[in-house]
Amino acid sequence: MFTYEELHDLLLEALLPPSETSRPRLPVIRVIDSQSHPEANRGMPAFGTNMMPVEVVEMSQGRGVGEFKDAWERLVREGMEAEGSESESGDD
């Protein structure tokens, strides 16, 4: 992750003629290799990694685990069937 100062410095350096830069002009890539890295969750709400899509939460309201499983499988199956019929009708 970059700070605004670092991004600004990279921009200023990129605007310089190639002979005036202190290092080769290569893309700068920063990788966060762990979810426990402090920058990995910056800006995320608390427990953000435990969040689910709103559709899942809405569909689960008032249902037991078994009912939810059956409803989810039905919804996925219907979605796949609808997607299949859309692709078939697009071939005409």
PDB file of N, CA and C in Angstrom:
ATOM      1  N   MET A   1       0.844  -1.160   0.000  1.00  0.00           N
ATOM      2  CA  MET A   1       0.000   0.000   0.000  1.00  0.00           C
ATOM      3  C   MET A   1       0.900   1.238   0.000  1.00  0.00           C
ATOM      4  N   PHE A   2       0.421   2.262  -0.617  1.00  0.00           N
ATOM      5  CA  PHE A   2       1.179   3.498  -0.727  1.00  0.00           C
ATOM      6  C   PHE A   2       0.514   4.599   0.080  1.00  0.00           C
ATOM      7  N   THR A   3       1.332   5.473   0.630  1.00  0.00           N
ATOM      8  CA  THR A   3       0.799   6.697   1.236  1.00  0.00           C
ATOM      9  C   THR A   3       0.648   7.713   0.108  1.00  0.00           C
ATOM     10  N   TYR A   4      -0.102   8.767   0.364  1.00  0.00           N
ATOM     11  CA  TYR A   4      -0.260   9.811  -0.645  1.00  0.00           C
ATOM     12  C   TYR A   4       1.082  10.461  -0.960  1.00  0.00           C
ATOM     13  N   GLU A   5       1.919  10.604   0.043  1.00  0.00           N
ATOM     14  CA  GLU A   5       3.247  11.188  -0.197  1.00  0.00           C
ATOM     15  C   GLU A   5       4.061  10.319  -1.150  1.00  0.00           C
ATOM     16  N   GLU A   6       4.026   9.003  -0.948  1.00  0.00           N
ATOM     17  CA  GLU A   6       4.769   8.097  -1.822  1.00  0.00           C
ATOM     18  C   GLU A   6       4.239   8.154  -3.257  1.00  0.00           C
ATOM     19  N   LEU A   7       2.920   8.192  -3.401  1.00  0.00           N
ATOM     20  CA  LEU A   7       2.340   8.287  -4.735  1.00  0.00           C
ATOM     21  C   LEU A   7       2.729   9.601  -5.402  1.00  0.00           C
ATOM     22  N   HIS A   8       2.707  10.680  -4.638  1.00  0.00           N
ATOM     23  CA  HIS A   8       3.093  11.978  -5.177  1.00  0.00           C
ATOM     24  C   HIS A   8       4.553  11.966  -5.615  1.00  0.00           C
ATOM     25  N   ASP A   9       5.427  11.398  -4.791  1.00  0.00           N
ATOM     26  CA  ASP A   9       6.847  11.306  -5.147  1.00  0.00           C
ATOM     27  C   ASP A   9       7.054  10.473  -6.418  1.00  0.00           C
ATOM     28  N   LEU A  10       6.317   9.373  -6.548  1.00  0.00           N
ATOM     29  CA  LEU A  10       6.414   8.551  -7.756  1.00  0.00           C
ATOM     30  C   LEU A  10       5.958   9.337  -8.985  1.00  0.00           C
ATOM     31  N   LEU A  11       4.891  10.118  -8.825  1.00  0.00           N
ATOM     32  CA  LEU A  11       4.418  10.941  -9.935  1.00  0.00           C
ATOM     33  C   LEU A  11       5.457  11.970 -10.341  1.00  0.00           C
ATOM     34  N   LEU A  12       6.018  12.657  -9.352  1.00  0.00           N
ATOM     35  CA  LEU A  12       7.029  13.677  -9.660  1.00  0.00           C
ATOM     36  C   LEU A  12       8.240  13.060 -10.342  1.00  0.00           C
ATOM     37  N   GLU A  13       8.652  11.898  -9.886  1.00  0.00           N
ATOM     38  CA  GLU A  13       9.796  11.225 -10.493  1.00  0.00           C
ATOM     39  C   GLU A  13       9.466  10.761 -11.909  1.00  0.00           C
ATOM     40  N   ALA A  14       8.227  10.318 -12.132  1.00  0.00           N
ATOM     41  CA  ALA A  14       7.826   9.866 -13.465  1.00  0.00           C
ATOM     42  C   ALA A  14       7.801  11.019 -14.459  1.00  0.00           C
ATOM     43  N   LEU A  15       7.582  12.243 -13.973  1.00  0.00           N
ATOM     44  CA  LEU A  15       7.536  13.401 -14.857  1.00  0.00           C
ATOM     45  C   LEU A  15       8.920  13.911 -15.239  1.00  0.00           C
ATOM     46  N   LEU A  16       9.948  13.474 -14.534  1.00  0.00           N
ATOM     47  CA  LEU A  16      11.314  13.905 -14.846  1.00  0.00           C
ATOM     48  C   LEU A  16      11.815  13.228 -16.115  1.00  0.00           C
ATOM     49  N   PRO A  17      12.703  13.894 -16.854  1.00  0.00           N
ATOM     50  CA  PRO A  17      13.335  13.220 -17.995  1.00  0.00           C
ATOM     51  C   PRO A  17      14.105  11.989 -17.500  1.00  0.00           C
ATOM     52  N   PRO A  18      14.195  10.939 -18.307  1.00  0.00           N
ATOM     53  CA  PRO A  18      14.844   9.688 -17.865  1.00  0.00           C
ATOM     54  C   PRO A  18      16.250   9.877 -17.315  1.00  0.00           C
ATOM     55  N   SER A  19      17.010  10.829 -17.804  1.00  0.00           N
ATOM     56  CA  SER A  19      18.385  11.005 -17.341  1.00  0.00           C
ATOM     57  C   SER A  19      18.462  11.581 -15.927  1.00  0.00           C
ATOM     58  N   GLU A  20      17.375  12.169 -15.433  1.00  0.00           N
ATOM     59  CA  GLU A  20      17.401  12.818 -14.121  1.00  0.00           C
ATOM     60  C   GLU A  20      16.851  11.950 -12.994  1.00  0.00           C
ATOM     61  N   THR A  21      16.372  10.768 -13.302  1.00  0.00           N
ATOM     62  CA  THR A  21      15.817   9.923 -12.243  1.00  0.00           C
ATOM     63  C   THR A  21      16.930   9.162 -11.550  1.00  0.00           C
ATOM     64  N   SER A  22      16.718   8.875 -10.298  1.00  0.00           N
ATOM     65  CA  SER A  22      17.732   8.181  -9.503  1.00  0.00           C
ATOM     66  C   SER A  22      17.667   6.669  -9.651  1.00  0.00           C
ATOM     67  N   ARG A  23      16.594   6.167 -10.215  1.00  0.00           N
ATOM     68  CA  ARG A  23      16.442   4.716 -10.374  1.00  0.00           C
ATOM     69  C   ARG A  23      15.737   4.427 -11.693  1.00  0.00           C
ATOM     70  N   PRO A  24      15.814   3.217 -12.180  1.00  0.00           N
ATOM     71  CA  PRO A  24      15.133   2.882 -13.434  1.00  0.00           C
ATOM     72  C   PRO A  24      13.620   3.043 -13.290  1.00  0.00           C
ATOM     73  N   ARG A  25      12.974   3.386 -14.356  1.00  0.00           N
ATOM     74  CA  ARG A  25      11.512   3.542 -14.330  1.00  0.00           C
ATOM     75  C   ARG A  25      10.853   2.191 -14.527  1.00  0.00           C
ATOM     76  N   LEU A  26      10.584   1.541 -13.449  1.00  0.00           N
ATOM     77  CA  LEU A  26       9.903   0.262 -13.471  1.00  0.00           C
ATOM     78  C   LEU A  26       8.636   0.397 -12.652  1.00  0.00           C
ATOM     79  N   PRO A  27       7.627  -0.378 -12.963  1.00  0.00           N
ATOM     80  CA  PRO A  27       6.435  -0.313 -12.125  1.00  0.00           C
ATOM     81  C   PRO A  27       6.758  -0.746 -10.700  1.00  0.00           C
ATOM     82  N   VAL A  28       6.142  -0.087  -9.763  1.00  0.00           N
ATOM     83  CA  VAL A  28       6.328  -0.434  -8.361  1.00  0.00           C
ATOM     84  C   VAL A  28       5.125  -1.263  -7.940  1.00  0.00           C
ATOM     85  N   ILE A  29       5.403  -2.454  -7.451  1.00  0.00           N
ATOM     86  CA  ILE A  29       4.332  -3.349  -7.020  1.00  0.00           C
ATOM     87  C   ILE A  29       4.565  -3.687  -5.561  1.00  0.00           C
ATOM     88  N   ARG A  30       3.516  -3.542  -4.786  1.00  0.00           N
ATOM     89  CA  ARG A  30       3.590  -3.929  -3.377  1.00  0.00           C
ATOM     90  C   ARG A  30       2.548  -5.011  -3.135  1.00  0.00           C
ATOM     91  N   VAL A  31       2.966  -6.064  -2.506  1.00  0.00           N
ATOM     92  CA  VAL A  31       2.097  -7.206  -2.265  1.00  0.00           C
ATOM     93  C   VAL A  31       1.891  -7.372  -0.771  1.00  0.00           C
ATOM     94  N   ILE A  32       0.654  -7.539  -0.391  1.00  0.00           N
ATOM     95  CA  ILE A  32       0.330  -7.859   0.992  1.00  0.00           C
ATOM     96  C   ILE A  32       0.161  -9.373   1.032  1.00  0.00           C
ATOM     97  N   ASP A  33       1.081 -10.028   1.706  1.00  0.00           N
ATOM     98  CA  ASP A  33       1.106 -11.483   1.663  1.00  0.00           C
ATOM     99  C   ASP A  33       0.378 -12.155   2.815  1.00  0.00           C
ATOM    100  N   SER A  34      -0.332 -11.387   3.620  1.00  0.00           N
ATOM    101  CA  SER A  34      -1.009 -11.981   4.761  1.00  0.00           C
ATOM    102  C   SER A  34      -2.208 -11.134   5.161  1.00  0.00           C
ATOM    103  N   GLN A  35      -3.301 -11.796   5.523  1.00  0.00           N
ATOM    104  CA  GLN A  35      -4.475 -11.079   6.022  1.00  0.00           C
ATOM    105  C   GLN A  35      -4.185 -10.381   7.351  1.00  0.00           C
ATOM    106  N   SER A  36      -3.129 -10.811   8.047  1.00  0.00           N
ATOM    107  CA  SER A  36      -2.805 -10.209   9.334  1.00  0.00           C
ATOM    108  C   SER A  36      -1.959  -8.946   9.181  1.00  0.00           C
ATOM    109  N   HIS A  37      -1.540  -8.637   7.955  1.00  0.00           N
ATOM    110  CA  HIS A  37      -0.764  -7.420   7.715  1.00  0.00           C
ATOM    111  C   HIS A  37      -1.649  -6.210   8.035  1.00  0.00           C
ATOM    112  N   PRO A  38      -1.116  -5.207   8.734  1.00  0.00           N
ATOM    113  CA  PRO A  38      -1.946  -4.062   9.139  1.00  0.00           C
ATOM    114  C   PRO A  38      -2.615  -3.344   7.967  1.00  0.00           C
ATOM    115  N   GLU A  39      -1.990  -3.324   6.804  1.00  0.00           N
ATOM    116  CA  GLU A  39      -2.564  -2.629   5.649  1.00  0.00           C
ATOM    117  C   GLU A  39      -3.633  -3.444   4.935  1.00  0.00           C
ATOM    118  N   ALA A  40      -3.708  -4.742   5.209  1.00  0.00           N
ATOM    119  CA  ALA A  40      -4.645  -5.601   4.500  1.00  0.00           C
ATOM    120  C   ALA A  40      -6.089  -5.248   4.812  1.00  0.00           C
ATOM    121  N   ASN A  41      -6.345  -4.744   5.969  1.00  0.00           N
ATOM    122  CA  ASN A  41      -7.725  -4.490   6.381  1.00  0.00           C
ATOM    123  C   ASN A  41      -8.020  -3.022   6.618  1.00  0.00           C
ATOM    124  N   ARG A  42      -7.130  -2.155   6.139  1.00  0.00           N
ATOM    125  CA  ARG A  42      -7.365  -0.731   6.338  1.00  0.00           C
ATOM    126  C   ARG A  42      -8.623  -0.330   5.577  1.00  0.00           C
ATOM    127  N   GLY A  43      -9.491   0.394   6.232  1.00  0.00           N
ATOM    128  CA  GLY A  43     -10.725   0.834   5.603  1.00  0.00           C
ATOM    129  C   GLY A  43     -11.839  -0.187   5.652  1.00  0.00           C
ATOM    130  N   MET A  44     -11.570  -1.338   6.178  1.00  0.00           N
ATOM    131  CA  MET A  44     -12.601  -2.375   6.280  1.00  0.00           C
ATOM    132  C   MET A  44     -13.328  -2.233   7.606  1.00  0.00           C
ATOM    133  N   PRO A  45     -14.619  -2.514   7.607  1.00  0.00           N
ATOM    134  CA  PRO A  45     -15.327  -2.500   8.884  1.00  0.00           C
ATOM    135  C   PRO A  45     -14.831  -3.623   9.786  1.00  0.00           C
ATOM    136  N   ALA A  46     -15.064  -3.467  11.080  1.00  0.00           N
ATOM    137  CA  ALA A  46     -14.674  -4.524  12.010  1.00  0.00           C
ATOM    138  C   ALA A  46     -15.350  -5.823  11.588  1.00  0.00           C
ATOM    139  N   PHE A  47     -14.647  -6.894  11.629  1.00  0.00           N
ATOM    140  CA  PHE A  47     -15.131  -8.224  11.247  1.00  0.00           C
ATOM    141  C   PHE A  47     -15.542  -8.262   9.766  1.00  0.00           C
ATOM    142  N   GLY A  48     -14.936  -7.423   8.941  1.00  0.00           N
ATOM    143  CA  GLY A  48     -15.274  -7.361   7.526  1.00  0.00           C
ATOM    144  C   GLY A  48     -15.050  -8.661   6.794  1.00  0.00           C
ATOM    145  N   THR A  49     -14.103  -9.454   7.252  1.00  0.00           N
ATOM    146  CA  THR A  49     -13.848 -10.725   6.575  1.00  0.00           C
ATOM    147  C   THR A  49     -14.937 -11.744   6.858  1.00  0.00           C
ATOM    148  N   ASN A  50     -15.785 -11.479   7.843  1.00  0.00           N
ATOM    149  CA  ASN A  50     -16.871 -12.390   8.172  1.00  0.00           C
ATOM    150  C   ASN A  50     -18.189 -11.984   7.519  1.00  0.00           C
ATOM    151  N   MET A  51     -18.163 -10.933   6.714  1.00  0.00           N
ATOM    152  CA  MET A  51     -19.392 -10.431   6.120  1.00  0.00           C
ATOM    153  C   MET A  51     -19.854 -11.342   4.990  1.00  0.00           C
ATOM    154  N   MET A  52     -21.177 -11.366   4.782  1.00  0.00           N
ATOM    155  CA  MET A  52     -21.774 -12.157   3.716  1.00  0.00           C
ATOM    156  C   MET A  52     -22.565 -11.224   2.810  1.00  0.00           C
ATOM    157  N   PRO A  53     -22.801 -11.628   1.580  1.00  0.00           N
ATOM    158  CA  PRO A  53     -23.647 -10.816   0.706  1.00  0.00           C
ATOM    159  C   PRO A  53     -25.030 -10.625   1.315  1.00  0.00           C
ATOM    160  N   VAL A  54     -25.616  -9.468   1.090  1.00  0.00           N
ATOM    161  CA  VAL A  54     -26.914  -9.143   1.690  1.00  0.00           C
ATOM    162  C   VAL A  54     -27.981 -10.146   1.258  1.00  0.00           C
ATOM    163  N   GLU A  55     -27.866 -10.684   0.041  1.00  0.00           N
ATOM    164  CA  GLU A  55     -28.845 -11.663  -0.440  1.00  0.00           C
ATOM    165  C   GLU A  55     -28.859 -12.913   0.433  1.00  0.00           C
ATOM    166  N   VAL A  56     -27.673 -13.331   0.872  1.00  0.00           N
ATOM    167  CA  VAL A  56     -27.581 -14.522   1.728  1.00  0.00           C
ATOM    168  C   VAL A  56     -28.232 -14.243   3.076  1.00  0.00           C
ATOM    169  N   VAL A  57     -27.962 -13.083   3.630  1.00  0.00           N
ATOM    170  CA  VAL A  57     -28.547 -12.734   4.927  1.00  0.00           C
ATOM    171  C   VAL A  57     -30.060 -12.654   4.812  1.00  0.00           C
ATOM    172  N   GLU A  58     -30.564 -11.988   3.769  1.00  0.00           N
ATOM    173  CA  GLU A  58     -32.008 -11.857   3.588  1.00  0.00           C
ATOM    174  C   GLU A  58     -32.673 -13.215   3.393  1.00  0.00           C
ATOM    175  N   MET A  59     -32.043 -14.086   2.622  1.00  0.00           N
ATOM    176  CA  MET A  59     -32.617 -15.397   2.344  1.00  0.00           C
ATOM    177  C   MET A  59     -32.622 -16.290   3.582  1.00  0.00           C
ATOM    178  N   SER A  60     -31.709 -16.058   4.491  1.00  0.00           N
ATOM    179  CA  SER A  60     -31.605 -16.934   5.662  1.00  0.00           C
ATOM    180  C   SER A  60     -32.555 -16.536   6.789  1.00  0.00           C
ATOM    181  N   GLN A  61     -33.145 -15.368   6.714  1.00  0.00           N
ATOM    182  CA  GLN A  61     -34.009 -14.895   7.804  1.00  0.00           C
ATOM    183  C   GLN A  61     -35.174 -15.850   8.042  1.00  0.00           C
ATOM    184  N   GLY A  62     -35.320 -16.304   9.280  1.00  0.00           N
ATOM    185  CA  GLY A  62     -36.430 -17.157   9.673  1.00  0.00           C
ATOM    186  C   GLY A  62     -36.320 -18.602   9.212  1.00  0.00           C
ATOM    187  N   ARG A  63     -35.185 -18.993   8.705  1.00  0.00           N
ATOM    188  CA  ARG A  63     -35.023 -20.370   8.234  1.00  0.00           C
ATOM    189  C   ARG A  63     -34.004 -21.094   9.093  1.00  0.00           C
ATOM    190  N   GLY A  64     -34.220 -22.375   9.247  1.00  0.00           N
ATOM    191  CA  GLY A  64     -33.224 -23.209   9.892  1.00  0.00           C
ATOM    192  C   GLY A  64     -32.129 -23.546   8.886  1.00  0.00           C
ATOM    193  N   VAL A  65     -31.101 -24.224   9.343  1.00  0.00           N
ATOM    194  CA  VAL A  65     -29.975 -24.550   8.482  1.00  0.00           C
ATOM    195  C   VAL A  65     -30.417 -25.439   7.318  1.00  0.00           C
ATOM    196  N   GLY A  66     -31.226 -26.437   7.588  1.00  0.00           N
ATOM    197  CA  GLY A  66     -31.697 -27.339   6.532  1.00  0.00           C
ATOM    198  C   GLY A  66     -32.549 -26.616   5.508  1.00  0.00           C
ATOM    199  N   GLU A  67     -33.459 -25.763   6.003  1.00  0.00           N
ATOM    200  CA  GLU A  67     -34.306 -24.992   5.085  1.00  0.00           C
ATOM    201  C   GLU A  67     -33.457 -24.050   4.227  1.00  0.00           C
ATOM    202  N   PHE A  68     -32.480 -23.421   4.855  1.00  0.00           N
ATOM    203  CA  PHE A  68     -31.600 -22.506   4.118  1.00  0.00           C
ATOM    204  C   PHE A  68     -30.840 -23.260   3.032  1.00  0.00           C
ATOM    205  N   LYS A  69     -30.316 -24.437   3.389  1.00  0.00           N
ATOM    206  CA  LYS A  69     -29.571 -25.251   2.421  1.00  0.00           C
ATOM    207  C   LYS A  69     -30.442 -25.581   1.218  1.00  0.00           C
ATOM    208  N   ASP A  70     -31.690 -26.037   1.473  1.00  0.00           N
ATOM    209  CA  ASP A  70     -32.588 -26.389   0.369  1.00  0.00           C
ATOM    210  C   ASP A  70     -32.919 -25.170  -0.486  1.00  0.00           C
ATOM    211  N   ALA A  71     -33.196 -24.034   0.163  1.00  0.00           N
ATOM    212  CA  ALA A  71     -33.528 -22.814  -0.573  1.00  0.00           C
ATOM    213  C   ALA A  71     -32.332 -22.334  -1.388  1.00  0.00           C
ATOM    214  N   TRP A  72     -31.151 -22.429  -0.817  1.00  0.00           N
ATOM    215  CA  TRP A  72     -29.940 -21.989  -1.525  1.00  0.00           C
ATOM    216  C   TRP A  72     -29.692 -22.857  -2.753  1.00  0.00           C
ATOM    217  N   GLU A  73     -29.804 -24.175  -2.587  1.00  0.00           N
ATOM    218  CA  GLU A  73     -29.597 -25.070  -3.723  1.00  0.00           C
ATOM    219  C   GLU A  73     -30.615 -24.807  -4.823  1.00  0.00           C
ATOM    220  N   ARG A  74     -31.877 -24.561  -4.442  1.00  0.00           N
ATOM    221  CA  ARG A  74     -32.920 -24.266  -5.428  1.00  0.00           C
ATOM    222  C   ARG A  74     -32.600 -22.971  -6.161  1.00  0.00           C
ATOM    223  N   LEU A  75     -32.190 -21.954  -5.430  1.00  0.00           N
ATOM    224  CA  LEU A  75     -31.863 -20.660  -6.027  1.00  0.00           C
ATOM    225  C   LEU A  75     -30.678 -20.774  -6.985  1.00  0.00           C
ATOM    226  N   VAL A  76     -29.648 -21.506  -6.595  1.00  0.00           N
ATOM    227  CA  VAL A  76     -28.482 -21.704  -7.465  1.00  0.00           C
ATOM    228  C   VAL A  76     -28.891 -22.464  -8.714  1.00  0.00           C
ATOM    229  N   ARG A  77     -29.686 -23.514  -8.553  1.00  0.00           N
ATOM    230  CA  ARG A  77     -30.144 -24.306  -9.700  1.00  0.00           C
ATOM    231  C   ARG A  77     -30.968 -23.447 -10.658  1.00  0.00           C
ATOM    232  N   GLU A  78     -31.883 -22.629 -10.123  1.00  0.00           N
ATOM    233  CA  GLU A  78     -32.695 -21.748 -10.963  1.00  0.00           C
ATOM    234  C   GLU A  78     -31.823 -20.733 -11.690  1.00  0.00           C
ATOM    235  N   GLY A  79     -30.825 -20.217 -10.998  1.00  0.00           N
ATOM    236  CA  GLY A  79     -29.923 -19.257 -11.624  1.00  0.00           C
ATOM    237  C   GLY A  79     -29.132 -19.877 -12.757  1.00  0.00           C
ATOM    238  N   MET A  80     -28.679 -21.114 -12.545  1.00  0.00           N
ATOM    239  CA  MET A  80     -27.915 -21.799 -13.597  1.00  0.00           C
ATOM    240  C   MET A  80     -28.815 -22.123 -14.789  1.00  0.00           C
ATOM    241  N   GLU A  81     -30.063 -22.518 -14.524  1.00  0.00           N
ATOM    242  CA  GLU A  81     -30.989 -22.810 -15.612  1.00  0.00           C
ATOM    243  C   GLU A  81     -31.311 -21.538 -16.391  1.00  0.00           C
ATOM    244  N   ALA A  82     -31.503 -20.436 -15.695  1.00  0.00           N
ATOM    245  CA  ALA A  82     -31.807 -19.166 -16.368  1.00  0.00           C
ATOM    246  C   ALA A  82     -30.610 -18.719 -17.194  1.00  0.00           C
ATOM    247  N   GLU A  83     -29.415 -18.893 -16.670  1.00  0.00           N
ATOM    248  CA  GLU A  83     -28.202 -18.516 -17.409  1.00  0.00           C
ATOM    249  C   GLU A  83     -28.047 -19.387 -18.651  1.00  0.00           C
ATOM    250  N   GLY A  84     -28.357 -20.654 -18.526  1.00  0.00           N
ATOM    251  CA  GLY A  84     -28.268 -21.560 -19.666  1.00  0.00           C
ATOM    252  C   GLY A  84     -29.269 -21.210 -20.745  1.00  0.00           C
ATOM    253  N   SER A  85     -30.508 -20.848 -20.357  1.00  0.00           N
ATOM    254  CA  SER A  85     -31.500 -20.497 -21.363  1.00  0.00           C
ATOM    255  C   SER A  85     -31.182 -19.169 -22.033  1.00  0.00           C
ATOM    256  N   GLU A  86     -30.526 -18.242 -21.311  1.00  0.00           N
ATOM    257  CA  GLU A  86     -30.132 -16.970 -21.902  1.00  0.00           C
ATOM    258  C   GLU A  86     -29.053 -17.187 -22.958  1.00  0.00           C
ATOM    259  N   SER A  87     -28.092 -18.069 -22.670  1.00  0.00           N
ATOM    260  CA  SER A  87     -27.015 -18.322 -23.636  1.00  0.00           C
ATOM    261  C   SER A  87     -27.546 -19.070 -24.854  1.00  0.00           C
ATOM    262  N   GLU A  88     -28.547 -19.956 -24.668  1.00  0.00           N
ATOM    263  CA  GLU A  88     -29.130 -20.673 -25.791  1.00  0.00           C
ATOM    264  C   GLU A  88     -29.906 -19.723 -26.682  1.00  0.00           C
ATOM    265  N   SER A  89     -30.657 -18.782 -26.090  1.00  0.00           N
ATOM    266  CA  SER A  89     -31.445 -17.858 -26.890  1.00  0.00           C
ATOM    267  C   SER A  89     -30.566 -16.821 -27.584  1.00  0.00           C
ATOM    268  N   GLY A  90     -29.371 -16.615 -27.084  1.00  0.00           N
ATOM    269  CA  GLY A  90     -28.441 -15.677 -27.711  1.00  0.00           C
ATOM    270  C   GLY A  90     -27.778 -16.248 -28.934  1.00  0.00           C
ATOM    271  N   ASP A  91     -27.865 -17.568 -29.145  1.00  0.00           N
ATOM    272  CA  ASP A  91     -27.238 -18.211 -30.289  1.00  0.00           C
ATOM    273  C   ASP A  91     -28.091 -18.117 -31.545  1.00  0.00           C
ATOM    274  N   ASP A  92     -29.365 -17.726 -31.430  1.00  0.00           N
ATOM    275  CA  ASP A  92     -30.274 -17.665 -32.591  1.00  0.00           C
ATOM    276  C   ASP A  92     -29.866 -16.613 -33.575  1.00  0.00           C
TER     277      ASP A  92
END
